[in-house]
């Protein structure tokens, strides 16, 4: 069985979650800190 940890995971507490032996960790903090970029797709 594959397990995943997610929710309220930050760079500061990531290691403690990793030590539990889960297979995957989802961390929203990665996208919160990403710079914004304005993209558009124009089709003529």
Protein backbone atom coordinates (compact mmCIF):
# COMPACT_ATOMS: atom_id res chain seq x y z
CA UNK A 1 0.00 0.00 0.00
CA UNK A 2 1.24 3.47 -0.91
CA UNK A 3 0.88 6.27 1.64
CA UNK A 4 0.99 10.06 1.34
CA UNK A 5 1.20 12.82 3.93
CA UNK A 6 -0.29 16.22 3.16
CA UNK A 7 -1.67 19.24 4.93
CA UNK A 8 0.17 21.83 7.01
CA UNK A 9 3.56 20.52 5.87
CA UNK A 10 6.25 23.18 5.75
CA UNK A 11 10.00 23.14 5.08
CA UNK A 12 10.49 23.37 8.85
CA UNK A 13 8.52 20.20 9.71
CA UNK A 14 9.13 18.20 6.51
CA UNK A 15 11.77 15.94 8.03
CA UNK A 16 9.50 14.80 10.85
CA UNK A 17 6.90 13.69 8.28
CA UNK A 18 9.53 11.97 6.15
CA UNK A 19 10.73 9.98 9.16
CA UNK A 20 7.28 8.36 9.50
CA UNK A 21 8.01 6.26 6.40
CA UNK A 22 5.34 7.66 4.07
CA UNK A 23 5.95 7.15 0.35
CA UNK A 24 4.96 10.64 -0.79
CA UNK A 25 4.71 14.06 0.82
CA UNK A 26 2.58 16.86 -0.63
CA UNK A 27 3.69 20.32 0.42
CA UNK A 28 1.67 23.33 -0.69
CA UNK A 29 4.35 25.65 0.66
CA UNK A 30 6.31 25.00 -2.53
CA UNK A 31 3.69 26.73 -4.66
CA UNK A 32 2.89 29.47 -2.13
CA UNK A 33 6.42 30.81 -2.37
CA UNK A 34 6.63 30.64 -6.17
CA UNK A 35 6.79 33.99 -7.94
CA UNK A 36 3.76 35.01 -9.95
CA UNK A 37 3.91 35.08 -13.72
CA UNK A 38 1.29 36.29 -16.18
CA UNK A 39 0.88 33.90 -19.12
CA UNK A 40 -1.55 34.04 -22.00
CA UNK A 41 -2.20 31.95 -25.07
CA UNK A 42 -3.41 33.79 -28.13
CA UNK A 43 -4.65 31.85 -31.11
CA UNK A 44 -5.14 33.74 -34.38
